[in-house]
Amino acid sequence: MEKQINIKGLDCAGCATELEEALEKIEAVKSVSVSFVGQKIYLECENEEVIEKVKDVANHFEEVQVIEDSPKNETVLKIKNLHCAGCAKELQSDIEKIE
């Protein structure tokens, strides 16, 4: 079973690596990848119970929060050539200033 979990509050690529390592320790997780820039967890596991364990670990990792479902009026933009955490943080700051 493959699952993409949306998160928020992941501050840096180093934290993404630490979270990924914590999630890899969960039994029945076949593979996991955490994207700092995308604020997502990509997961391959055996069943829904494992997904709930992954969400629980993520919710208890620093300031990370799992976002259950995106609102239907949310717009998702794909961005190319964003290569570092500093640029991502600057872009996020600029977007948050938009009314």
Protein backbone atom coordinates (compact mmCIF):
# COMPACT_ATOMS: atom_id res chain seq x y z
CA MET A 1 0.00 0.00 0.00
CA GLU A 2 1.38 3.41 -0.99
CA LYS A 3 0.39 6.59 0.83
CA GLN A 4 1.29 10.26 0.71
CA ILE A 5 0.85 12.12 4.00
CA ASN A 6 0.77 15.91 4.06
CA ILE A 7 2.52 17.57 6.99
CA LYS A 8 3.44 21.05 8.16
CA GLY A 9 6.00 22.44 10.56
CA LEU A 10 9.06 20.57 9.28
CA ASP A 11 11.81 23.19 9.60
CA CYS A 12 14.80 21.85 7.69
CA ALA A 13 16.25 19.07 5.57
CA GLY A 14 18.15 17.73 8.58
CA CYS A 15 14.90 17.34 10.50
CA ALA A 16 13.38 15.59 7.48
CA THR A 17 16.23 13.08 7.62
CA GLU A 18 15.74 12.56 11.36
CA LEU A 19 11.99 12.04 10.92
CA GLU A 20 12.63 9.64 8.05
CA GLU A 21 15.00 7.60 10.25
CA ALA A 22 12.40 7.47 13.03
CA LEU A 23 9.71 6.29 10.60
CA GLU A 24 11.98 3.61 9.14
CA LYS A 25 12.05 1.97 12.58
CA ILE A 26 8.31 1.26 12.50
CA GLU A 27 7.68 -2.41 11.83
CA ALA A 28 5.93 -3.10 8.49
CA VAL A 29 7.16 0.13 6.87
CA LYS A 30 8.56 -1.08 3.56
CA SER A 31 9.93 2.30 2.46
CA VAL A 32 9.58 5.92 3.52
CA SER A 33 10.80 9.26 2.24
CA VAL A 34 10.26 12.66 3.87
CA SER A 35 10.31 15.84 1.77
CA PHE A 36 11.16 19.04 3.64
CA VAL A 37 10.37 21.29 0.68
CA GLY A 38 7.17 19.44 -0.20
CA GLN A 39 6.16 18.95 3.45
CA LYS A 40 5.17 15.36 2.65
CA ILE A 41 5.81 11.82 3.79
CA TYR A 42 5.85 9.23 1.03
CA LEU A 43 5.18 5.81 2.48
CA GLU A 44 4.93 2.22 1.37
CA CYS A 45 3.59 -0.11 4.04
CA GLU A 46 1.50 -3.18 4.68
CA ASN A 47 -1.79 -1.78 6.02
CA GLU A 48 -3.81 1.11 7.41
CA GLU A 49 -2.65 0.39 10.97
CA VAL A 50 0.93 1.18 9.96
CA ILE A 51 -0.20 4.47 8.41
CA GLU A 52 -1.74 5.46 11.74
CA LYS A 53 1.53 4.64 13.54
CA VAL A 54 3.45 6.78 11.03
CA LYS A 55 1.04 9.68 11.58
CA ASP A 56 1.43 9.34 15.34
CA VAL A 57 5.24 9.40 15.16
CA ALA A 58 5.13 12.40 12.81
CA ASN A 59 2.72 14.29 15.08
CA HIS A 60 5.09 13.81 18.01
CA PHE A 61 8.22 14.86 16.11
CA GLU A 62 9.25 18.42 17.05
CA GLU A 63 6.71 20.91 15.60
CA VAL A 64 5.43 18.62 12.84
CA GLN A 65 1.69 18.18 12.36
CA VAL A 66 -0.07 15.80 10.00
CA ILE A 67 -2.61 17.54 7.77
CA GLU A 68 -5.41 15.05 7.29
CA ASP A 69 -7.19 16.29 4.19
CA SER A 70 -6.67 19.38 2.12
CA PRO A 71 -9.65 21.69 1.77
CA LYS A 72 -11.28 21.49 -1.65
CA ASN A 73 -10.61 25.18 -2.28
CA GLU A 74 -6.86 24.79 -1.73
CA THR A 75 -4.59 25.37 -4.69
CA VAL A 76 -1.46 23.27 -5.06
CA LEU A 77 1.41 24.71 -7.10
CA LYS A 78 4.30 22.67 -8.41
CA ILE A 79 7.55 24.60 -8.25
CA LYS A 80 10.68 23.82 -10.23
CA ASN A 81 14.27 24.77 -9.41
CA LEU A 82 13.80 25.44 -5.71
CA HIS A 83 17.06 23.93 -4.49
CA CYS A 84 17.63 24.88 -0.87
CA ALA A 85 15.85 25.26 2.44
CA GLY A 86 16.73 28.95 2.65
CA CYS A 87 15.03 29.72 -0.64
CA ALA A 88 12.01 27.65 0.37
CA LYS A 89 11.72 29.54 3.65
CA GLU A 90 12.04 32.89 1.85
CA LEU A 91 9.37 31.90 -0.68
CA GLN A 92 7.06 30.73 2.10
CA SER A 93 7.53 34.04 3.90
CA ASP A 94 6.71 36.01 0.74
CA ILE A 95 3.58 33.92 0.07
CA GLU A 96 2.34 34.36 3.65
CA LYS A 97 2.40 38.15 3.12
CA ILE A 98 -0.22 37.89 0.37
CA GLU A 99 -3.69 38.83 1.54
